[in-house]
Amino acid sequence: MATMRPTRSDLQDHELPVRAKLAAAWTSFMLLYVYVDILGLYLPGVIDDILAGIAWEFEISQAWATGALALMATPILMVLLSTTLPARSSRTTNLIVASAYLLISVGNAVGEAWTYYFALAVALETIVLAVILRLAWTWPRSTSPSTAQDHAPHALQARRPTAACDGTPRPCLAARRPSELWSRQRDASNLG
């Protein structure tokens, strides 16, 4: 007796919600952002500069550490905000923050000695930020609840026509079944 083997077409591919995609993209961006900085510690002289109180041309101080924390915390918080803010606020926030981080990513690489390393880092971060911008820009729109309810078949079954089929205020006797009412209302909405 032969057993059935699953084929590649048996795999299910469910569409992820845009919020989950945004959270995944911000997580990817944050990991790139952190690892570019961590691997940047291996550049010759960087550790010596840090021990001397200098980080990327800046004196290490409380103000510097606060600014660095803010730069790191923003993408981290975007993972949370992308999933918890209302859709309109989340979309706007993602568009603004991703646009700002495009500039920050490019600015972080300006004047660095390891051109190929930082060029690749900026390219990868830019790709992820472009995905975030595209997801936020093309956020799916929904129909208004009243419109969706008016076109739902179950809502039509409970209603009785209030006007005649010819437009007069008397009841329409021709549309007694819900399927007929549905097709008549659909046809009328296509005309208007």
N, C-alpha and C. Protein backbone atom coordinates (compact mmCIF):
# COMPACT_ATOMS: atom_id res chain seq x y z
N MET A 1 0.85 -1.17 0.00
CA MET A 1 0.00 0.00 0.00
C MET A 1 0.89 1.24 0.00
N ALA A 2 0.65 2.11 -0.92
CA ALA A 2 1.46 3.32 -1.06
C ALA A 2 0.95 4.40 -0.10
N THR A 3 1.89 5.12 0.49
CA THR A 3 1.50 6.22 1.38
C THR A 3 1.56 7.53 0.61
N MET A 4 0.69 8.42 0.98
CA MET A 4 0.66 9.73 0.34
C MET A 4 1.74 10.61 0.93
N ARG A 5 2.58 11.18 0.09
CA ARG A 5 3.60 12.11 0.54
C ARG A 5 3.14 13.53 0.26
N PRO A 6 3.37 14.41 1.23
CA PRO A 6 2.98 15.81 0.98
C PRO A 6 3.86 16.42 -0.11
N THR A 7 3.25 17.23 -0.91
CA THR A 7 4.01 17.92 -1.95
C THR A 7 4.25 19.36 -1.51
N ARG A 8 5.06 20.06 -2.26
CA ARG A 8 5.34 21.45 -1.91
C ARG A 8 4.08 22.30 -1.93
N SER A 9 3.12 21.96 -2.75
CA SER A 9 1.90 22.75 -2.82
C SER A 9 1.02 22.57 -1.59
N ASP A 10 1.34 21.58 -0.72
CA ASP A 10 0.55 21.36 0.48
C ASP A 10 0.86 22.37 1.58
N LEU A 11 1.92 23.16 1.43
CA LEU A 11 2.27 24.13 2.46
C LEU A 11 1.28 25.28 2.48
N GLN A 12 0.85 25.64 3.66
CA GLN A 12 -0.06 26.77 3.79
C GLN A 12 0.75 28.05 3.96
N ASP A 13 0.31 29.08 3.33
CA ASP A 13 0.99 30.37 3.43
C ASP A 13 -0.04 31.42 3.80
N HIS A 14 -0.20 31.64 5.10
CA HIS A 14 -1.18 32.61 5.58
C HIS A 14 -0.57 34.01 5.54
N GLU A 15 -1.37 34.97 5.18
CA GLU A 15 -0.93 36.37 5.14
C GLU A 15 -0.78 36.89 6.56
N LEU A 16 0.39 37.46 6.84
CA LEU A 16 0.62 38.07 8.15
C LEU A 16 -0.04 39.45 8.19
N PRO A 17 -0.55 39.84 9.34
CA PRO A 17 -1.07 41.20 9.48
C PRO A 17 0.06 42.21 9.32
N VAL A 18 -0.25 43.39 8.84
CA VAL A 18 0.77 44.42 8.60
C VAL A 18 1.49 44.77 9.90
N ARG A 19 0.80 44.73 11.03
CA ARG A 19 1.44 45.02 12.32
C ARG A 19 2.56 44.02 12.63
N ALA A 20 2.32 42.74 12.36
CA ALA A 20 3.34 41.72 12.60
C ALA A 20 4.53 41.91 11.67
N LYS A 21 4.25 42.27 10.43
CA LYS A 21 5.33 42.52 9.47
C LYS A 21 6.18 43.71 9.92
N LEU A 22 5.52 44.77 10.38
CA LEU A 22 6.26 45.94 10.86
C LEU A 22 7.10 45.61 12.09
N ALA A 23 6.54 44.85 13.01
CA ALA A 23 7.30 44.47 14.21
C ALA A 23 8.52 43.62 13.83
N ALA A 24 8.34 42.72 12.88
CA ALA A 24 9.47 41.90 12.42
C ALA A 24 10.53 42.75 11.73
N ALA A 25 10.10 43.71 10.94
CA ALA A 25 11.04 44.58 10.24
C ALA A 25 11.81 45.45 11.22
N TRP A 26 11.12 46.01 12.23
CA TRP A 26 11.82 46.82 13.24
C TRP A 26 12.78 45.97 14.06
N THR A 27 12.42 44.73 14.33
CA THR A 27 13.33 43.82 15.04
C THR A 27 14.58 43.57 14.20
N SER A 28 14.39 43.32 12.91
CA SER A 28 15.53 43.13 12.01
C SER A 28 16.41 44.37 11.96
N PHE A 29 15.78 45.53 11.86
CA PHE A 29 16.55 46.78 11.83
C PHE A 29 17.34 46.95 13.12
N MET A 30 16.70 46.68 14.25
CA MET A 30 17.39 46.86 15.54
C MET A 30 18.58 45.93 15.65
N LEU A 31 18.43 44.68 15.22
CA LEU A 31 19.56 43.75 15.27
C LEU A 31 20.70 44.22 14.38
N LEU A 32 20.39 44.69 13.18
CA LEU A 32 21.43 45.23 12.31
C LEU A 32 22.11 46.43 12.96
N TYR A 33 21.31 47.32 13.49
CA TYR A 33 21.80 48.55 14.11
C TYR A 33 22.77 48.24 15.25
N VAL A 34 22.39 47.29 16.11
CA VAL A 34 23.22 46.92 17.25
C VAL A 34 24.49 46.22 16.78
N TYR A 35 24.36 45.26 15.87
CA TYR A 35 25.54 44.50 15.46
C TYR A 35 26.52 45.32 14.63
N VAL A 36 26.06 46.31 13.92
CA VAL A 36 26.99 47.21 13.23
C VAL A 36 27.84 47.94 14.26
N ASP A 37 27.20 48.39 15.34
CA ASP A 37 27.96 49.06 16.41
C ASP A 37 28.90 48.10 17.12
N ILE A 38 28.43 46.89 17.43
CA ILE A 38 29.26 45.92 18.15
C ILE A 38 30.47 45.53 17.30
N LEU A 39 30.24 45.20 16.03
CA LEU A 39 31.36 44.82 15.16
C LEU A 39 32.27 46.01 14.89
N GLY A 40 31.72 47.22 14.97
CA GLY A 40 32.53 48.42 14.81
C GLY A 40 33.57 48.59 15.92
N LEU A 41 33.37 47.91 17.04
CA LEU A 41 34.35 47.96 18.13
C LEU A 41 35.67 47.29 17.73
N TYR A 42 35.64 46.47 16.69
CA TYR A 42 36.84 45.77 16.24
C TYR A 42 37.72 46.62 15.32
N LEU A 43 37.25 47.79 14.96
CA LEU A 43 38.09 48.67 14.15
C LEU A 43 39.33 49.05 14.96
N PRO A 44 40.49 49.07 14.34
CA PRO A 44 41.71 49.41 15.08
C PRO A 44 41.59 50.80 15.73
N GLY A 45 41.93 50.86 17.00
CA GLY A 45 41.94 52.12 17.73
C GLY A 45 40.65 52.47 18.42
N VAL A 46 39.56 51.79 18.13
CA VAL A 46 38.26 52.13 18.73
C VAL A 46 38.27 51.90 20.23
N ILE A 47 38.78 50.75 20.66
CA ILE A 47 38.81 50.44 22.10
C ILE A 47 39.71 51.44 22.82
N ASP A 48 40.85 51.78 22.21
CA ASP A 48 41.75 52.77 22.83
C ASP A 48 41.03 54.10 23.00
N ASP A 49 40.26 54.51 21.97
CA ASP A 49 39.50 55.76 22.07
C ASP A 49 38.45 55.70 23.17
N ILE A 50 37.77 54.57 23.27
CA ILE A 50 36.75 54.41 24.32
C ILE A 50 37.39 54.51 25.69
N LEU A 51 38.54 53.85 25.86
CA LEU A 51 39.24 53.91 27.15
C LEU A 51 39.71 55.32 27.46
N ALA A 52 39.95 56.11 26.41
CA ALA A 52 40.37 57.50 26.60
C ALA A 52 39.17 58.44 26.75
N GLY A 53 37.96 57.89 26.69
CA GLY A 53 36.76 58.71 26.88
C GLY A 53 36.21 59.31 25.60
N ILE A 54 36.56 58.74 24.44
CA ILE A 54 36.08 59.25 23.15
C ILE A 54 35.32 58.12 22.43
N ALA A 55 34.14 58.43 21.92
CA ALA A 55 33.37 57.46 21.12
C ALA A 55 32.92 58.16 19.85
N TRP A 56 33.40 57.69 18.71
CA TRP A 56 33.04 58.25 17.41
C TRP A 56 33.17 59.77 17.39
N GLU A 57 34.30 60.24 17.75
CA GLU A 57 34.64 61.67 17.74
C GLU A 57 33.96 62.49 18.84
N PHE A 58 33.15 61.85 19.67
CA PHE A 58 32.45 62.56 20.74
C PHE A 58 33.05 62.17 22.09
N GLU A 59 33.08 63.14 23.00
CA GLU A 59 33.51 62.84 24.36
C GLU A 59 32.40 62.04 25.05
N ILE A 60 32.80 60.95 25.68
CA ILE A 60 31.81 60.13 26.38
C ILE A 60 31.39 60.87 27.65
N SER A 61 30.12 61.21 27.70
CA SER A 61 29.56 61.94 28.84
C SER A 61 28.14 61.45 29.07
N GLN A 62 27.51 62.00 30.06
CA GLN A 62 26.12 61.62 30.33
C GLN A 62 25.23 62.05 29.16
N ALA A 63 25.49 63.21 28.58
CA ALA A 63 24.69 63.68 27.44
C ALA A 63 24.87 62.74 26.25
N TRP A 64 26.12 62.32 26.00
CA TRP A 64 26.38 61.39 24.89
C TRP A 64 25.65 60.07 25.12
N ALA A 65 25.75 59.54 26.36
CA ALA A 65 25.11 58.26 26.68
C ALA A 65 23.59 58.36 26.57
N THR A 66 23.03 59.50 26.97
CA THR A 66 21.58 59.70 26.85
C THR A 66 21.15 59.74 25.39
N GLY A 67 21.92 60.45 24.57
CA GLY A 67 21.62 60.50 23.14
C GLY A 67 21.75 59.13 22.48
N ALA A 68 22.79 58.39 22.85
CA ALA A 68 22.98 57.04 22.29
C ALA A 68 21.82 56.12 22.71
N LEU A 69 21.41 56.25 23.97
CA LEU A 69 20.27 55.45 24.45
C LEU A 69 19.00 55.79 23.68
N ALA A 70 18.77 57.08 23.45
CA ALA A 70 17.57 57.49 22.70
C ALA A 70 17.61 56.93 21.27
N LEU A 71 18.80 56.95 20.64
CA LEU A 71 18.91 56.40 19.29
C LEU A 71 18.67 54.90 19.26
N MET A 72 19.07 54.20 20.31
CA MET A 72 18.87 52.75 20.36
C MET A 72 17.45 52.40 20.81
N ALA A 73 16.89 53.19 21.71
CA ALA A 73 15.57 52.88 22.26
C ALA A 73 14.45 53.09 21.25
N THR A 74 14.62 54.04 20.35
CA THR A 74 13.54 54.35 19.40
C THR A 74 13.17 53.14 18.54
N PRO A 75 14.12 52.49 17.85
CA PRO A 75 13.72 51.29 17.09
C PRO A 75 13.19 50.16 17.97
N ILE A 76 13.72 50.05 19.18
CA ILE A 76 13.22 49.03 20.10
C ILE A 76 11.75 49.30 20.41
N LEU A 77 11.43 50.55 20.73
CA LEU A 77 10.04 50.91 21.04
C LEU A 77 9.13 50.79 19.81
N MET A 78 9.69 50.95 18.62
CA MET A 78 8.87 50.83 17.41
C MET A 78 8.32 49.42 17.23
N VAL A 79 9.02 48.42 17.75
CA VAL A 79 8.49 47.05 17.72
C VAL A 79 7.18 47.02 18.49
N LEU A 80 7.18 47.60 19.68
CA LEU A 80 5.98 47.65 20.51
C LEU A 80 4.92 48.58 19.93
N LEU A 81 5.33 49.78 19.54
CA LEU A 81 4.36 50.77 19.05
C LEU A 81 3.68 50.32 17.75
N SER A 82 4.41 49.61 16.90
CA SER A 82 3.82 49.13 15.65
C SER A 82 2.68 48.16 15.89
N THR A 83 2.72 47.49 17.02
CA THR A 83 1.68 46.50 17.31
C THR A 83 0.59 47.00 18.24
N THR A 84 0.82 48.13 18.92
CA THR A 84 -0.16 48.56 19.93
C THR A 84 -0.87 49.88 19.62
N LEU A 85 -0.25 50.74 18.85
CA LEU A 85 -0.92 52.01 18.51
C LEU A 85 -2.12 51.75 17.61
N PRO A 86 -3.10 52.64 17.61
CA PRO A 86 -4.19 52.53 16.62
C PRO A 86 -3.59 52.59 15.21
N ALA A 87 -4.27 51.99 14.26
CA ALA A 87 -3.73 51.84 12.90
C ALA A 87 -3.24 53.16 12.30
N ARG A 88 -4.04 54.20 12.37
CA ARG A 88 -3.65 55.48 11.77
C ARG A 88 -2.40 56.05 12.45
N SER A 89 -2.36 55.98 13.78
CA SER A 89 -1.20 56.48 14.52
C SER A 89 0.04 55.63 14.24
N SER A 90 -0.16 54.32 14.18
CA SER A 90 0.96 53.42 13.90
C SER A 90 1.53 53.68 12.51
N ARG A 91 0.67 53.86 11.55
CA ARG A 91 1.12 54.14 10.18
C ARG A 91 1.93 55.43 10.14
N THR A 92 1.40 56.49 10.72
CA THR A 92 2.08 57.79 10.72
C THR A 92 3.42 57.70 11.47
N THR A 93 3.42 57.08 12.62
CA THR A 93 4.64 56.94 13.41
C THR A 93 5.70 56.15 12.65
N ASN A 94 5.30 55.06 12.02
CA ASN A 94 6.24 54.26 11.24
C ASN A 94 6.83 55.06 10.08
N LEU A 95 6.01 55.82 9.40
CA LEU A 95 6.50 56.63 8.28
C LEU A 95 7.51 57.68 8.75
N ILE A 96 7.21 58.34 9.86
CA ILE A 96 8.09 59.40 10.37
C ILE A 96 9.41 58.83 10.90
N VAL A 97 9.31 57.82 11.74
CA VAL A 97 10.52 57.27 12.38
C VAL A 97 11.40 56.56 11.36
N ALA A 98 10.83 55.79 10.45
CA ALA A 98 11.65 55.12 9.42
C ALA A 98 12.34 56.14 8.53
N SER A 99 11.65 57.22 8.17
CA SER A 99 12.28 58.28 7.36
C SER A 99 13.44 58.92 8.11
N ALA A 100 13.25 59.18 9.39
CA ALA A 100 14.32 59.79 10.20
C ALA A 100 15.52 58.85 10.30
N TYR A 101 15.25 57.56 10.47
CA TYR A 101 16.36 56.61 10.61
C TYR A 101 17.08 56.35 9.29
N LEU A 102 16.45 56.63 8.18
CA LEU A 102 17.20 56.59 6.90
C LEU A 102 18.32 57.62 6.95
N LEU A 103 18.00 58.82 7.40
CA LEU A 103 19.00 59.87 7.51
C LEU A 103 20.05 59.55 8.58
N ILE A 104 19.62 59.02 9.70
CA ILE A 104 20.54 58.68 10.79
C ILE A 104 21.51 57.59 10.34
N SER A 105 21.00 56.57 9.66
CA SER A 105 21.86 55.47 9.20
C SER A 105 22.94 55.97 8.24
N VAL A 106 22.55 56.80 7.31
CA VAL A 106 23.53 57.35 6.37
C VAL A 106 24.49 58.26 7.11
N GLY A 107 23.99 59.08 8.01
CA GLY A 107 24.83 60.00 8.78
C GLY A 107 25.84 59.28 9.65
N ASN A 108 25.47 58.13 10.20
CA ASN A 108 26.39 57.36 11.05
C ASN A 108 27.59 56.85 10.27
N ALA A 109 27.45 56.64 8.98
CA ALA A 109 28.54 56.07 8.17
C ALA A 109 29.44 57.13 7.54
N VAL A 110 29.02 58.38 7.56
CA VAL A 110 29.81 59.43 6.92
C VAL A 110 31.15 59.57 7.63
N GLY A 111 32.21 59.53 6.84
CA GLY A 111 33.56 59.72 7.37
C GLY A 111 34.18 58.51 8.03
N GLU A 112 33.53 57.36 7.98
CA GLU A 112 34.10 56.16 8.60
C GLU A 112 35.22 55.59 7.73
N ALA A 113 36.19 54.94 8.39
CA ALA A 113 37.37 54.44 7.70
C ALA A 113 37.09 53.16 6.90
N TRP A 114 36.26 52.30 7.41
CA TRP A 114 36.00 51.03 6.74
C TRP A 114 34.82 51.22 5.78
N THR A 115 35.11 51.68 4.60
CA THR A 115 34.08 52.05 3.63
C THR A 115 33.17 50.88 3.27
N TYR A 116 33.74 49.72 2.95
CA TYR A 116 32.93 48.58 2.52
C TYR A 116 32.02 48.09 3.66
N TYR A 117 32.57 48.03 4.85
CA TYR A 117 31.79 47.58 6.00
C TYR A 117 30.60 48.49 6.24
N PHE A 118 30.85 49.80 6.30
CA PHE A 118 29.77 50.73 6.59
C PHE A 118 28.82 50.91 5.41
N ALA A 119 29.34 50.76 4.19
CA ALA A 119 28.46 50.82 3.01
C ALA A 119 27.47 49.65 3.03
N LEU A 120 27.96 48.46 3.36
CA LEU A 120 27.07 47.30 3.46
C LEU A 120 26.07 47.50 4.60
N ALA A 121 26.54 48.00 5.73
CA ALA A 121 25.65 48.23 6.87
C ALA A 121 24.53 49.20 6.50
N VAL A 122 24.90 50.31 5.87
CA VAL A 122 23.89 51.31 5.47
C VAL A 122 22.95 50.72 4.43
N ALA A 123 23.49 49.94 3.50
CA ALA A 123 22.63 49.32 2.46
C ALA A 123 21.60 48.38 3.10
N LEU A 124 22.05 47.54 4.02
CA LEU A 124 21.12 46.60 4.67
C LEU A 124 20.09 47.33 5.52
N GLU A 125 20.53 48.32 6.28
CA GLU A 125 19.58 49.09 7.09
C GLU A 125 18.59 49.84 6.21
N THR A 126 19.08 50.36 5.08
CA THR A 126 18.20 51.09 4.15
C THR A 126 17.15 50.16 3.55
N ILE A 127 17.54 48.94 3.22
CA ILE A 127 16.58 47.97 2.67
C ILE A 127 15.48 47.70 3.69
N VAL A 128 15.86 47.47 4.94
CA VAL A 128 14.85 47.18 5.97
C VAL A 128 13.96 48.39 6.20
N LEU A 129 14.55 49.58 6.24
CA LEU A 129 13.75 50.79 6.42
C LEU A 129 12.83 51.03 5.23
N ALA A 130 13.28 50.70 4.03
CA ALA A 130 12.42 50.84 2.84
C ALA A 130 11.24 49.88 2.93
N VAL A 131 11.47 48.68 3.45
CA VAL A 131 10.36 47.73 3.66
C VAL A 131 9.37 48.30 4.67
N ILE A 132 9.88 48.89 5.75
CA ILE A 132 9.00 49.50 6.76
C ILE A 132 8.18 50.63 6.14
N LEU A 133 8.85 51.49 5.37
CA LEU A 133 8.13 52.59 4.72
C LEU A 133 7.06 52.07 3.76
N ARG A 134 7.40 51.04 3.00
CA ARG A 134 6.43 50.49 2.04
C ARG A 134 5.24 49.87 2.77
N LEU A 135 5.52 49.10 3.83
CA LEU A 135 4.42 48.48 4.59
C LEU A 135 3.51 49.54 5.19
N ALA A 136 4.11 50.57 5.77
CA ALA A 136 3.30 51.63 6.39
C ALA A 136 2.54 52.43 5.33
N TRP A 137 3.19 52.73 4.22
CA TRP A 137 2.56 53.54 3.17
C TRP A 137 1.39 52.80 2.53
N THR A 138 1.54 51.49 2.35
CA THR A 138 0.50 50.68 1.68
C THR A 138 -0.38 49.95 2.70
N TRP A 139 -0.45 50.45 3.91
CA TRP A 139 -1.28 49.83 4.96
C TRP A 139 -2.68 49.63 4.39
N PRO A 140 -3.22 48.41 4.46
CA PRO A 140 -4.55 48.15 3.87
C PRO A 140 -5.63 49.01 4.51
N ARG A 141 -6.51 49.49 3.68
CA ARG A 141 -7.65 50.29 4.15
C ARG A 141 -8.84 49.36 4.35
N SER A 142 -9.68 49.68 5.31
CA SER A 142 -10.89 48.90 5.51
C SER A 142 -12.08 49.76 5.16
N THR A 143 -13.18 49.10 4.87
CA THR A 143 -14.40 49.83 4.60
C THR A 143 -15.01 50.25 5.92
N SER A 144 -15.83 51.26 5.89
CA SER A 144 -16.47 51.72 7.12
C SER A 144 -17.43 50.65 7.62
N PRO A 145 -17.63 50.54 8.94
CA PRO A 145 -18.50 49.50 9.48
C PRO A 145 -19.92 49.56 8.92
N SER A 146 -20.45 50.76 8.69
CA SER A 146 -21.81 50.84 8.17
C SER A 146 -21.88 50.33 6.74
N THR A 147 -20.85 50.60 5.95
CA THR A 147 -20.83 50.11 4.57
C THR A 147 -20.69 48.60 4.56
N ALA A 148 -19.80 48.07 5.40
CA ALA A 148 -19.59 46.63 5.44
C ALA A 148 -20.87 45.93 5.90
N GLN A 149 -21.57 46.50 6.86
CA GLN A 149 -22.79 45.89 7.36
C GLN A 149 -23.89 45.93 6.29
N ASP A 150 -23.95 47.01 5.52
CA ASP A 150 -24.97 47.11 4.49
C ASP A 150 -24.79 46.06 3.41
N HIS A 151 -23.57 45.62 3.16
CA HIS A 151 -23.32 44.66 2.09
C HIS A 151 -23.21 43.23 2.58
N ALA A 152 -23.36 43.01 3.88
CA ALA A 152 -23.25 41.66 4.41
C ALA A 152 -24.55 40.90 4.11
N PRO A 153 -24.43 39.67 3.60
CA PRO A 153 -25.64 38.90 3.26
C PRO A 153 -26.55 38.66 4.45
N HIS A 154 -25.98 38.40 5.66
CA HIS A 154 -26.82 38.13 6.82
C HIS A 154 -27.63 39.36 7.21
N ALA A 155 -27.11 40.54 7.00
CA ALA A 155 -27.84 41.76 7.33
C ALA A 155 -29.01 41.96 6.38
N LEU A 156 -28.84 41.54 5.15
CA LEU A 156 -29.91 41.70 4.16
C LEU A 156 -31.05 40.72 4.40
N GLN A 157 -30.73 39.56 4.95
CA GLN A 157 -31.78 38.58 5.18
C GLN A 157 -32.78 39.07 6.23
N ALA A 158 -32.34 39.83 7.18
CA ALA A 158 -33.23 40.28 8.24
C ALA A 158 -34.08 41.47 7.83
N ARG A 159 -33.73 42.13 6.75
CA ARG A 159 -34.46 43.32 6.32
C ARG A 159 -35.59 42.98 5.36
N ARG A 160 -36.56 43.82 5.37
CA ARG A 160 -37.63 43.75 4.38
C ARG A 160 -37.51 44.98 3.51
N PRO A 161 -37.74 44.84 2.23
CA PRO A 161 -37.64 46.02 1.37
C PRO A 161 -38.68 47.05 1.77
N THR A 162 -38.26 48.33 1.74
CA THR A 162 -39.17 49.39 2.14
C THR A 162 -39.70 50.16 0.94
N ALA A 163 -39.17 49.90 -0.22
CA ALA A 163 -39.64 50.59 -1.42
C ALA A 163 -39.91 49.57 -2.51
N ALA A 164 -40.77 49.94 -3.40
CA ALA A 164 -41.09 49.06 -4.52
C ALA A 164 -39.91 48.96 -5.45
N CYS A 165 -39.92 47.92 -6.26
CA CYS A 165 -38.84 47.71 -7.23
C CYS A 165 -38.78 48.84 -8.25
N ASP A 166 -39.91 49.52 -8.46
CA ASP A 166 -39.93 50.61 -9.43
C ASP A 166 -39.65 51.97 -8.79
N GLY A 167 -39.30 51.99 -7.47
CA GLY A 167 -38.92 53.23 -6.82
C GLY A 167 -40.05 53.90 -6.04
N THR A 168 -41.28 53.38 -6.09
CA THR A 168 -42.38 53.97 -5.34
C THR A 168 -42.29 53.53 -3.88
N PRO A 169 -42.96 54.23 -2.95
CA PRO A 169 -42.82 53.90 -1.53
C PRO A 169 -43.54 52.64 -1.07
N ARG A 170 -44.21 51.93 -1.94
CA ARG A 170 -44.89 50.70 -1.52
C ARG A 170 -43.90 49.53 -1.51
N PRO A 171 -44.17 48.47 -0.72
CA PRO A 171 -43.25 47.33 -0.63
C PRO A 171 -43.10 46.62 -1.98
N CYS A 172 -41.92 46.09 -2.19
CA CYS A 172 -41.63 45.34 -3.42
C CYS A 172 -41.96 43.88 -3.18
N LEU A 173 -42.93 43.37 -3.87
CA LEU A 173 -43.31 41.98 -3.68
C LEU A 173 -42.44 41.03 -4.49
N ALA A 174 -41.71 41.54 -5.47
CA ALA A 174 -40.90 40.68 -6.32
C ALA A 174 -39.65 40.18 -5.59
N ALA A 175 -39.20 40.87 -4.58
CA ALA A 175 -37.96 40.50 -3.91
C ALA A 175 -38.26 39.96 -2.53
N ARG A 176 -38.85 38.78 -2.46
CA ARG A 176 -39.20 38.20 -1.18
C ARG A 176 -38.07 37.36 -0.60
N ARG A 177 -37.31 36.71 -1.46
CA ARG A 177 -36.22 35.88 -0.96
C ARG A 177 -34.97 36.72 -0.75
N PRO A 178 -34.17 36.43 0.28
CA PRO A 178 -32.95 37.20 0.55
C PRO A 178 -31.99 37.21 -0.64
N SER A 179 -31.91 36.09 -1.37
CA SER A 179 -30.97 36.05 -2.51
C SER A 179 -31.41 37.04 -3.59
N GLU A 180 -32.73 37.18 -3.78
CA GLU A 180 -33.20 38.15 -4.77
C GLU A 180 -32.94 39.57 -4.29
N LEU A 181 -33.18 39.81 -3.02
CA LEU A 181 -32.93 41.13 -2.46
C LEU A 181 -31.45 41.47 -2.58
N TRP A 182 -30.60 40.50 -2.27
CA TRP A 182 -29.15 40.71 -2.36
C TRP A 182 -28.74 41.07 -3.78
N SER A 183 -29.25 40.32 -4.76
CA SER A 183 -28.86 40.60 -6.14
C SER A 183 -29.41 41.94 -6.61
N ARG A 184 -30.63 42.30 -6.19
CA ARG A 184 -31.18 43.59 -6.58
C ARG A 184 -30.41 44.75 -5.94
N GLN A 185 -30.08 44.59 -4.66
CA GLN A 185 -29.33 45.67 -3.99
C GLN A 185 -27.92 45.78 -4.59
N ARG A 186 -27.29 44.66 -4.90
CA ARG A 186 -25.96 44.68 -5.50
C ARG A 186 -26.02 45.36 -6.87
N ASP A 187 -27.02 45.02 -7.65
CA ASP A 187 -27.17 45.65 -8.97
C ASP A 187 -27.41 47.14 -8.82
N ALA A 188 -28.23 47.54 -7.84
CA ALA A 188 -28.50 48.97 -7.64
C ALA A 188 -27.24 49.72 -7.19
N SER A 189 -26.43 49.07 -6.35
CA SER A 189 -25.20 49.75 -5.90
C SER A 189 -24.19 49.86 -7.03
N ASN A 190 -24.20 48.96 -7.97
CA ASN A 190 -23.27 49.04 -9.11
C ASN A 190 -23.66 50.17 -10.06
N LEU A 191 -24.94 50.51 -10.07
CA LEU A 191 -25.39 51.59 -10.95
C LEU A 191 -25.04 52.96 -10.35
N GLY A 192 -25.03 53.07 -9.03
CA GLY A 192 -24.84 54.35 -8.38
C GLY A 192 -23.44 54.60 -8.09
